[in-house]
PDB file of all heavy atoms in Angstrom:
ATOM      1  N   ALA A   1       0.896  -1.101  -0.071  1.00  0.00           N
ATOM      2  CA  ALA A   1      -0.130   0.025   0.094  1.00  0.00           C
ATOM      3  C   ALA A   1       0.841   1.298   0.075  1.00  0.00           C
ATOM      4  O   ALA A   1       2.008   1.237   0.441  1.00  0.00           O
ATOM      5  CB  ALA A   1      -0.943   0.008   1.216  1.00  0.00           C
ATOM      6  N   GLY A   2       0.321   2.361  -0.659  1.00  0.00           N
ATOM      7  CA  GLY A   2       1.048   3.519  -0.485  1.00  0.00           C
ATOM      8  C   GLY A   2       0.065   4.709  -0.749  1.00  0.00           C
ATOM      9  O   GLY A   2      -1.070   4.582  -0.918  1.00  0.00           O
ATOM     10  N   GLU A   3       0.646   5.924  -0.643  1.00  0.00           N
ATOM     11  CA  GLU A   3      -0.331   7.064  -0.466  1.00  0.00           C
ATOM     12  C   GLU A   3       0.477   8.329  -0.930  1.00  0.00           C
ATOM     13  O   GLU A   3       1.522   8.597  -0.593  1.00  0.00           O
ATOM     14  CB  GLU A   3      -0.834   7.306   0.810  1.00  0.00           C
ATOM     15  CG  GLU A   3      -1.948   8.461   0.999  1.00  0.00           C
ATOM     16  CD  GLU A   3      -2.415   8.553   2.414  1.00  0.00           C
ATOM     17  OE1 GLU A   3      -1.602   8.833   3.507  1.00  0.00           O
ATOM     18  OE2 GLU A   3      -3.697   8.235   2.644  1.00  0.00           O
ATOM     19  N   ASN A   4      -0.244   9.112  -1.652  1.00  0.00           N
ATOM     20  CA  ASN A   4       0.242  10.468  -2.087  1.00  0.00           C
ATOM     21  C   ASN A   4      -0.726  11.612  -1.462  1.00  0.00           C
ATOM     22  O   ASN A   4      -2.020  11.291  -1.591  1.00  0.00           O
ATOM     23  CB  ASN A   4       0.302  10.765  -3.547  1.00  0.00           C
ATOM     24  CG  ASN A   4       1.411  10.041  -4.204  1.00  0.00           C
ATOM     25  OD1 ASN A   4       2.400   9.531  -3.483  1.00  0.00           O
ATOM     26  ND2 ASN A   4       1.324   9.780  -5.518  1.00  0.00           N
ATOM     27  N   VAL A   5      -0.231  12.476  -0.875  1.00  0.00           N
ATOM     28  CA  VAL A   5      -1.136  13.680  -0.412  1.00  0.00           C
ATOM     29  C   VAL A   5      -0.596  14.960  -1.026  1.00  0.00           C
ATOM     30  O   VAL A   5       0.680  15.091  -1.287  1.00  0.00           O
ATOM     31  CB  VAL A   5      -1.145  13.728   1.168  1.00  0.00           C
ATOM     32  CG1 VAL A   5      -1.675  12.521   1.683  1.00  0.00           C
ATOM     33  CG2 VAL A   5       0.394  13.901   1.708  1.00  0.00           C
ATOM     34  N   VAL A   6      -1.465  15.879  -1.181  1.00  0.00           N
ATOM     35  CA  VAL A   6      -1.102  17.135  -1.770  1.00  0.00           C
ATOM     36  C   VAL A   6      -2.020  18.325  -1.221  1.00  0.00           C
ATOM     37  O   VAL A   6      -3.089  17.982  -0.898  1.00  0.00           O
ATOM     38  CB  VAL A   6      -1.256  17.032  -3.357  1.00  0.00           C
ATOM     39  CG1 VAL A   6      -2.704  16.688  -3.727  1.00  0.00           C
ATOM     40  CG2 VAL A   6      -0.875  18.300  -3.955  1.00  0.00           C
ATOM     41  N   ARG A   7      -1.465  19.447  -1.121  1.00  0.00           N
ATOM     42  CA  ARG A   7      -2.231  20.609  -0.763  1.00  0.00           C
ATOM     43  C   ARG A   7      -1.797  21.700  -1.698  1.00  0.00           C
ATOM     44  O   ARG A   7      -0.736  22.098  -1.787  1.00  0.00           O
ATOM     45  CB  ARG A   7      -1.974  21.081   0.696  1.00  0.00           C
ATOM     46  CG  ARG A   7      -2.704  22.289   1.139  1.00  0.00           C
ATOM     47  CD  ARG A   7      -2.384  22.750   2.589  1.00  0.00           C
ATOM     48  NE  ARG A   7      -1.012  23.008   2.678  1.00  0.00           N
ATOM     49  CZ  ARG A   7      -0.469  23.150   3.864  1.00  0.00           C
ATOM     50  NH1 ARG A   7      -1.162  23.007   4.933  1.00  0.00           N
ATOM     51  NH2 ARG A   7       0.840  23.474   4.086  1.00  0.00           N
ATOM     52  N   LEU A   8      -2.940  22.450  -2.361  1.00  0.00           N
ATOM     53  CA  LEU A   8      -2.637  23.562  -3.003  1.00  0.00           C
ATOM     54  C   LEU A   8      -3.339  24.764  -2.274  1.00  0.00           C
ATOM     55  O   LEU A   8      -4.509  24.699  -1.798  1.00  0.00           O
ATOM     56  CB  LEU A   8      -3.390  23.466  -4.486  1.00  0.00           C
ATOM     57  CG  LEU A   8      -3.133  22.305  -5.297  1.00  0.00           C
ATOM     58  CD1 LEU A   8      -3.880  22.445  -6.686  1.00  0.00           C
ATOM     59  CD2 LEU A   8      -1.579  22.323  -5.622  1.00  0.00           C
ATOM     60  N   GLY A   9      -2.556  25.776  -2.145  1.00  0.00           N
ATOM     61  CA  GLY A   9      -2.958  27.050  -1.538  1.00  0.00           C
ATOM     62  C   GLY A   9      -4.129  27.660  -2.275  1.00  0.00           C
ATOM     63  O   GLY A   9      -4.309  27.284  -3.471  1.00  0.00           O
ATOM     64  N   PRO A  10      -4.783  28.747  -1.859  1.00  0.00           N
ATOM     65  CA  PRO A  10      -5.785  29.428  -2.511  1.00  0.00           C
ATOM     66  C   PRO A  10      -5.203  29.928  -3.980  1.00  0.00           C
ATOM     67  O   PRO A  10      -4.008  30.354  -3.889  1.00  0.00           O
ATOM     68  CB  PRO A  10      -6.144  30.582  -1.720  1.00  0.00           C
ATOM     69  CG  PRO A  10      -5.743  30.161  -0.341  1.00  0.00           C
ATOM     70  CD  PRO A  10      -4.589  29.250  -0.466  1.00  0.00           C
ATOM     71  N   PRO A  11      -5.994  30.029  -4.986  1.00  0.00           N
ATOM     72  CA  PRO A  11      -5.414  30.540  -6.294  1.00  0.00           C
ATOM     73  C   PRO A  11      -5.084  31.943  -6.147  1.00  0.00           C
ATOM     74  O   PRO A  11      -5.760  32.726  -5.438  1.00  0.00           O
ATOM     75  CB  PRO A  11      -6.589  30.349  -7.209  1.00  0.00           C
ATOM     76  CG  PRO A  11      -7.498  29.345  -6.652  1.00  0.00           C
ATOM     77  CD  PRO A  11      -7.298  29.532  -5.184  1.00  0.00           C
ATOM     78  N   ALA A  12      -3.895  32.283  -6.820  1.00  0.00           N
ATOM     79  CA  ALA A  12      -3.506  33.697  -6.771  1.00  0.00           C
ATOM     80  C   ALA A  12      -4.249  34.522  -7.731  1.00  0.00           C
ATOM     81  O   ALA A  12      -3.855  34.619  -8.961  1.00  0.00           O
ATOM     82  CB  ALA A  12      -1.941  33.739  -7.001  1.00  0.00           C
ATOM     83  N   ARG A  13      -5.446  34.995  -7.291  1.00  0.00           N
ATOM     84  CA  ARG A  13      -6.366  35.587  -8.233  1.00  0.00           C
ATOM     85  C   ARG A  13      -5.909  36.922  -8.875  1.00  0.00           C
ATOM     86  O   ARG A  13      -6.332  37.401  -9.905  1.00  0.00           O
ATOM     87  CB  ARG A  13      -7.730  35.898  -7.614  1.00  0.00           C
ATOM     88  CG  ARG A  13      -8.305  34.509  -7.083  1.00  0.00           C
ATOM     89  CD  ARG A  13      -9.642  34.592  -6.469  1.00  0.00           C
ATOM     90  NE  ARG A  13     -10.078  33.374  -5.839  1.00  0.00           N
ATOM     91  CZ  ARG A  13     -10.434  32.273  -6.583  1.00  0.00           C
ATOM     92  NH1 ARG A  13     -10.471  32.297  -7.887  1.00  0.00           N
ATOM     93  NH2 ARG A  13     -10.846  31.187  -5.916  1.00  0.00           N
ATOM     94  N   ASP A  14      -5.001  37.708  -8.109  1.00  0.00           N
ATOM     95  CA  ASP A  14      -4.530  38.860  -8.680  1.00  0.00           C
ATOM     96  C   ASP A  14      -3.269  38.728  -9.333  1.00  0.00           C
ATOM     97  O   ASP A  14      -2.639  39.847  -9.735  1.00  0.00           O
ATOM     98  CB  ASP A  14      -4.383  39.882  -7.438  1.00  0.00           C
ATOM     99  CG  ASP A  14      -3.339  39.456  -6.425  1.00  0.00           C
ATOM    100  OD1 ASP A  14      -3.132  38.205  -6.349  1.00  0.00           O
ATOM    101  OD2 ASP A  14      -2.912  40.229  -5.582  1.00  0.00           O
ATOM    102  N   ALA A  15      -2.747  37.599  -9.609  1.00  0.00           N
ATOM    103  CA  ALA A  15      -1.523  37.388 -10.388  1.00  0.00           C
ATOM    104  C   ALA A  15      -1.936  36.652 -11.744  1.00  0.00           C
ATOM    105  O   ALA A  15      -2.971  36.016 -11.913  1.00  0.00           O
ATOM    106  CB  ALA A  15      -0.605  36.485  -9.691  1.00  0.00           C
ATOM    107  N   PRO A  16      -1.036  36.795 -12.706  1.00  0.00           N
ATOM    108  CA  PRO A  16      -1.208  36.095 -13.933  1.00  0.00           C
ATOM    109  C   PRO A  16      -1.475  34.695 -13.833  1.00  0.00           C
ATOM    110  O   PRO A  16      -0.850  33.982 -13.049  1.00  0.00           O
ATOM    111  CB  PRO A  16      -0.046  36.421 -14.877  1.00  0.00           C
ATOM    112  CG  PRO A  16       0.646  37.618 -14.152  1.00  0.00           C
ATOM    113  CD  PRO A  16       0.246  37.491 -12.739  1.00  0.00           C
ATOM    114  N   ARG A  17      -2.604  34.184 -14.518  1.00  0.00           N
ATOM    115  CA  ARG A  17      -2.842  32.751 -14.364  1.00  0.00           C
ATOM    116  C   ARG A  17      -1.752  31.727 -15.082  1.00  0.00           C
ATOM    117  O   ARG A  17      -1.451  32.120 -16.157  1.00  0.00           O
ATOM    118  CB  ARG A  17      -4.292  32.468 -15.138  1.00  0.00           C
ATOM    119  CG  ARG A  17      -4.677  30.997 -14.996  1.00  0.00           C
ATOM    120  CD  ARG A  17      -6.227  30.873 -15.234  1.00  0.00           C
ATOM    121  NE  ARG A  17      -6.910  31.471 -14.129  1.00  0.00           N
ATOM    122  CZ  ARG A  17      -8.215  31.452 -14.174  1.00  0.00           C
ATOM    123  NH1 ARG A  17      -8.925  30.989 -15.114  1.00  0.00           N
ATOM    124  NH2 ARG A  17      -8.860  31.918 -12.985  1.00  0.00           N
ATOM    125  N   GLN A  18      -1.473  30.817 -14.373  1.00  0.00           N
ATOM    126  CA  GLN A  18      -0.537  29.930 -14.946  1.00  0.00           C
ATOM    127  C   GLN A  18      -1.183  28.692 -15.342  1.00  0.00           C
ATOM    128  O   GLN A  18      -2.306  28.500 -15.103  1.00  0.00           O
ATOM    129  CB  GLN A  18       0.387  29.498 -13.722  1.00  0.00           C
ATOM    130  CG  GLN A  18       1.235  30.582 -13.173  1.00  0.00           C
ATOM    131  CD  GLN A  18       2.226  30.009 -12.066  1.00  0.00           C
ATOM    132  OE1 GLN A  18       3.176  29.287 -12.543  1.00  0.00           O
ATOM    133  NE2 GLN A  18       2.093  30.339 -10.911  1.00  0.00           N
ATOM    134  N   LEU A  19      -0.465  27.914 -16.215  1.00  0.00           N
ATOM    135  CA  LEU A  19      -1.151  26.630 -16.845  1.00  0.00           C
ATOM    136  C   LEU A  19      -1.512  25.781 -15.572  1.00  0.00           C
ATOM    137  O   LEU A  19      -0.710  25.559 -14.672  1.00  0.00           O
ATOM    138  CB  LEU A  19      -0.085  26.037 -17.649  1.00  0.00           C
ATOM    139  CG  LEU A  19      -0.378  24.582 -18.219  1.00  0.00           C
ATOM    140  CD1 LEU A  19      -1.530  24.823 -19.222  1.00  0.00           C
ATOM    141  CD2 LEU A  19       0.819  24.033 -18.861  1.00  0.00           C
ATOM    142  N   GLY A  20      -2.817  25.364 -15.568  1.00  0.00           N
ATOM    143  CA  GLY A  20      -3.152  24.487 -14.522  1.00  0.00           C
ATOM    144  C   GLY A  20      -3.839  25.244 -13.379  1.00  0.00           C
ATOM    145  O   GLY A  20      -4.493  24.600 -12.530  1.00  0.00           O
ATOM    146  N   ASP A  21      -3.658  26.517 -13.254  1.00  0.00           N
ATOM    147  CA  ASP A  21      -4.268  27.237 -12.268  1.00  0.00           C
ATOM    148  C   ASP A  21      -5.753  27.612 -12.520  1.00  0.00           C
ATOM    149  O   ASP A  21      -6.049  27.599 -13.679  1.00  0.00           O
ATOM    150  CB  ASP A  21      -3.494  28.646 -12.090  1.00  0.00           C
ATOM    151  CG  ASP A  21      -3.665  29.241 -10.694  1.00  0.00           C
ATOM    152  OD1 ASP A  21      -4.401  28.666  -9.777  1.00  0.00           O
ATOM    153  OD2 ASP A  21      -3.319  30.347 -10.432  1.00  0.00           O
ATOM    154  N   GLY A  22      -6.532  27.975 -11.476  1.00  0.00           N
ATOM    155  CA  GLY A  22      -7.835  28.360 -11.731  1.00  0.00           C
ATOM    156  C   GLY A  22      -8.683  27.168 -11.874  1.00  0.00           C
ATOM    157  O   GLY A  22      -8.849  26.295 -11.074  1.00  0.00           O
ATOM    158  N   GLU A  23      -9.241  26.990 -13.194  1.00  0.00           N
ATOM    159  CA  GLU A  23     -10.288  26.003 -13.438  1.00  0.00           C
ATOM    160  C   GLU A  23      -9.766  24.640 -13.290  1.00  0.00           C
ATOM    161  O   GLU A  23     -10.543  23.748 -13.135  1.00  0.00           O
ATOM    162  CB  GLU A  23     -10.956  26.346 -14.749  1.00  0.00           C
ATOM    163  CG  GLU A  23     -10.129  26.148 -16.052  1.00  0.00           C
ATOM    164  CD  GLU A  23      -9.207  27.289 -16.258  1.00  0.00           C
ATOM    165  OE1 GLU A  23      -9.302  28.255 -15.648  1.00  0.00           O
ATOM    166  OE2 GLU A  23      -8.418  27.161 -17.288  1.00  0.00           O
ATOM    167  N   ASN A  24      -8.515  24.453 -13.653  1.00  0.00           N
ATOM    168  CA  ASN A  24      -8.088  22.918 -13.548  1.00  0.00           C
ATOM    169  C   ASN A  24      -7.105  22.698 -12.350  1.00  0.00           C
ATOM    170  O   ASN A  24      -6.023  22.345 -12.462  1.00  0.00           O
ATOM    171  CB  ASN A  24      -7.193  22.695 -14.941  1.00  0.00           C
ATOM    172  CG  ASN A  24      -6.875  21.205 -15.040  1.00  0.00           C
ATOM    173  OD1 ASN A  24      -7.530  20.323 -14.343  1.00  0.00           O
ATOM    174  ND2 ASN A  24      -5.951  20.904 -15.990  1.00  0.00           N
ATOM    175  N   ARG A  25      -7.698  22.902 -11.244  1.00  0.00           N
ATOM    176  CA  ARG A  25      -6.881  22.743  -9.867  1.00  0.00           C
ATOM    177  C   ARG A  25      -6.666  21.309  -9.808  1.00  0.00           C
ATOM    178  O   ARG A  25      -5.578  20.991  -9.284  1.00  0.00           O
ATOM    179  CB  ARG A  25      -7.772  23.234  -8.819  1.00  0.00           C
ATOM    180  CG  ARG A  25      -8.140  24.685  -8.899  1.00  0.00           C
ATOM    181  CD  ARG A  25      -6.902  25.542  -8.364  1.00  0.00           C
ATOM    182  NE  ARG A  25      -6.824  25.498  -6.910  1.00  0.00           N
ATOM    183  CZ  ARG A  25      -5.868  26.041  -6.260  1.00  0.00           C
ATOM    184  NH1 ARG A  25      -4.832  26.407  -6.828  1.00  0.00           N
ATOM    185  NH2 ARG A  25      -5.781  26.024  -4.919  1.00  0.00           N
ATOM    186  N   VAL A  26      -7.481  20.245 -10.182  1.00  0.00           N
ATOM    187  CA  VAL A  26      -7.168  18.866 -10.131  1.00  0.00           C
ATOM    188  C   VAL A  26      -5.987  18.561 -10.884  1.00  0.00           C
ATOM    189  O   VAL A  26      -5.145  17.838 -10.538  1.00  0.00           O
ATOM    190  CB  VAL A  26      -8.376  18.095 -10.473  1.00  0.00           C
ATOM    191  CG1 VAL A  26      -8.035  16.553 -10.482  1.00  0.00           C
ATOM    192  CG2 VAL A  26      -9.642  18.286  -9.572  1.00  0.00           C
ATOM    193  N   GLY A  27      -5.898  19.129 -12.201  1.00  0.00           N
ATOM    194  CA  GLY A  27      -4.749  18.843 -12.981  1.00  0.00           C
ATOM    195  C   GLY A  27      -3.550  19.437 -12.361  1.00  0.00           C
ATOM    196  O   GLY A  27      -2.387  18.759 -12.508  1.00  0.00           O
ATOM    197  N   LEU A  28      -3.560  20.584 -11.714  1.00  0.00           N
ATOM    198  CA  LEU A  28      -2.469  21.134 -10.993  1.00  0.00           C
ATOM    199  C   LEU A  28      -1.967  20.263  -9.814  1.00  0.00           C
ATOM    200  O   LEU A  28      -0.757  20.108  -9.626  1.00  0.00           O
ATOM    201  CB  LEU A  28      -2.659  22.538 -10.610  1.00  0.00           C
ATOM    202  CG  LEU A  28      -1.547  23.327  -9.921  1.00  0.00           C
ATOM    203  CD1 LEU A  28      -0.335  23.481 -10.866  1.00  0.00           C
ATOM    204  CD2 LEU A  28      -2.063  24.708  -9.536  1.00  0.00           C
ATOM    205  N   ALA A  29      -2.991  19.722  -9.194  1.00  0.00           N
ATOM    206  CA  ALA A  29      -2.649  18.798  -8.114  1.00  0.00           C
ATOM    207  C   ALA A  29      -1.965  17.483  -8.600  1.00  0.00           C
ATOM    208  O   ALA A  29      -0.831  17.086  -8.090  1.00  0.00           O
ATOM    209  CB  ALA A  29      -3.883  18.295  -7.321  1.00  0.00           C
ATOM    210  N   HIS A  30      -2.297  17.051  -9.766  1.00  0.00           N
ATOM    211  CA  HIS A  30      -1.751  15.940 -10.363  1.00  0.00           C
ATOM    212  C   HIS A  30      -0.277  16.203 -10.735  1.00  0.00           C
ATOM    213  O   HIS A  30       0.647  15.487 -10.653  1.00  0.00           O
ATOM    214  CB  HIS A  30      -2.406  15.414 -11.536  1.00  0.00           C
ATOM    215  CG  HIS A  30      -1.725  14.456 -12.515  1.00  0.00           C
ATOM    216  ND1 HIS A  30      -1.516  13.183 -12.039  1.00  0.00           N
ATOM    217  CD2 HIS A  30      -1.202  14.615 -13.715  1.00  0.00           C
ATOM    218  CE1 HIS A  30      -0.845  12.548 -13.058  1.00  0.00           C
ATOM    219  NE2 HIS A  30      -0.685  13.371 -14.033  1.00  0.00           N
ATOM    220  N   ARG A  31      -0.111  17.546 -11.353  1.00  0.00           N
ATOM    221  CA  ARG A  31       1.264  17.861 -11.767  1.00  0.00           C
ATOM    222  C   ARG A  31       2.295  18.001 -10.510  1.00  0.00           C
ATOM    223  O   ARG A  31       3.431  17.598 -10.568  1.00  0.00           O
ATOM    224  CB  ARG A  31       1.094  19.288 -12.463  1.00  0.00           C
ATOM    225  CG  ARG A  31       2.459  19.663 -13.011  1.00  0.00           C
ATOM    226  CD  ARG A  31       2.458  21.119 -13.522  1.00  0.00           C
ATOM    227  NE  ARG A  31       1.272  21.353 -14.305  1.00  0.00           N
ATOM    228  CZ  ARG A  31       0.879  22.611 -14.582  1.00  0.00           C
ATOM    229  NH1 ARG A  31       1.572  23.632 -14.306  1.00  0.00           N
ATOM    230  NH2 ARG A  31      -0.228  22.774 -15.293  1.00  0.00           N
ATOM    231  N   ARG A  32       1.754  18.551  -9.424  1.00  0.00           N
ATOM    232  CA  ARG A  32       2.560  18.738  -8.141  1.00  0.00           C
ATOM    233  C   ARG A  32       3.050  17.245  -7.822  1.00  0.00           C
ATOM    234  O   ARG A  32       4.259  17.117  -7.291  1.00  0.00           O
ATOM    235  CB  ARG A  32       1.857  19.476  -7.040  1.00  0.00           C
ATOM    236  CG  ARG A  32       1.554  20.906  -7.531  1.00  0.00           C
ATOM    237  CD  ARG A  32       2.926  21.679  -7.493  1.00  0.00           C
ATOM    238  NE  ARG A  32       2.769  23.098  -7.939  1.00  0.00           N
ATOM    239  CZ  ARG A  32       2.857  23.515  -9.232  1.00  0.00           C
ATOM    240  NH1 ARG A  32       3.372  22.832 -10.097  1.00  0.00           N
ATOM    241  NH2 ARG A  32       2.653  24.687  -9.404  1.00  0.00           N
ATOM    242  N   LEU A  33       2.188  16.433  -7.788  1.00  0.00           N
ATOM    243  CA  LEU A  33       2.431  15.013  -7.252  1.00  0.00           C
ATOM    244  C   LEU A  33       3.579  14.350  -8.271  1.00  0.00           C
ATOM    245  O   LEU A  33       4.494  13.781  -7.909  1.00  0.00           O
ATOM    246  CB  LEU A  33       1.349  14.149  -7.270  1.00  0.00           C
ATOM    247  CG  LEU A  33       0.245  14.450  -6.213  1.00  0.00           C
ATOM    248  CD1 LEU A  33      -1.049  13.709  -6.432  1.00  0.00           C
ATOM    249  CD2 LEU A  33       0.829  14.191  -4.818  1.00  0.00           C
ATOM    250  N   TRP A  34       3.350  14.595  -9.593  1.00  0.00           N
ATOM    251  CA  TRP A  34       4.319  14.054 -10.565  1.00  0.00           C
ATOM    252  C   TRP A  34       5.632  14.726 -10.541  1.00  0.00           C
ATOM    253  O   TRP A  34       6.759  14.081 -10.752  1.00  0.00           O
ATOM    254  CB  TRP A  34       3.685  14.353 -12.074  1.00  0.00           C
ATOM    255  CG  TRP A  34       4.518  13.770 -13.118  1.00  0.00           C
ATOM    256  CD1 TRP A  34       5.442  14.291 -13.909  1.00  0.00           C
ATOM    257  CD2 TRP A  34       4.612  12.283 -13.480  1.00  0.00           C
ATOM    258  NE1 TRP A  34       5.979  13.402 -14.834  1.00  0.00           N
ATOM    259  CE2 TRP A  34       5.456  12.257 -14.434  1.00  0.00           C
ATOM    260  CE3 TRP A  34       3.951  11.290 -12.993  1.00  0.00           C
ATOM    261  CZ2 TRP A  34       5.600  10.982 -15.032  1.00  0.00           C
ATOM    262  CZ3 TRP A  34       4.144   9.929 -13.615  1.00  0.00           C
ATOM    263  CH2 TRP A  34       5.058   9.889 -14.631  1.00  0.00           C
ATOM    264  N   GLU A  35       5.764  15.923 -10.114  1.00  0.00           N
ATOM    265  CA  GLU A  35       6.956  16.668  -9.950  1.00  0.00           C
ATOM    266  C   GLU A  35       7.835  16.137  -8.898  1.00  0.00           C
ATOM    267  O   GLU A  35       9.106  16.404  -8.874  1.00  0.00           O
ATOM    268  CB  GLU A  35       6.776  18.173  -9.759  1.00  0.00           C
ATOM    269  CG  GLU A  35       6.130  18.820 -10.924  1.00  0.00           C
ATOM    270  CD  GLU A  35       5.681  20.339 -10.748  1.00  0.00           C
ATOM    271  OE1 GLU A  35       5.505  20.599  -9.449  1.00  0.00           O
ATOM    272  OE2 GLU A  35       5.522  20.995 -11.697  1.00  0.00           O
TER     273      GLU A  35
END
């Protein structure tokens, strides 16, 4: 058995949107785990 855990802070709404930020938060979580 194994486990991955991830936390993303609140989106930086006053900063330029990055790939995966905003509407695709699940995708960004997957990216952080992969990194």
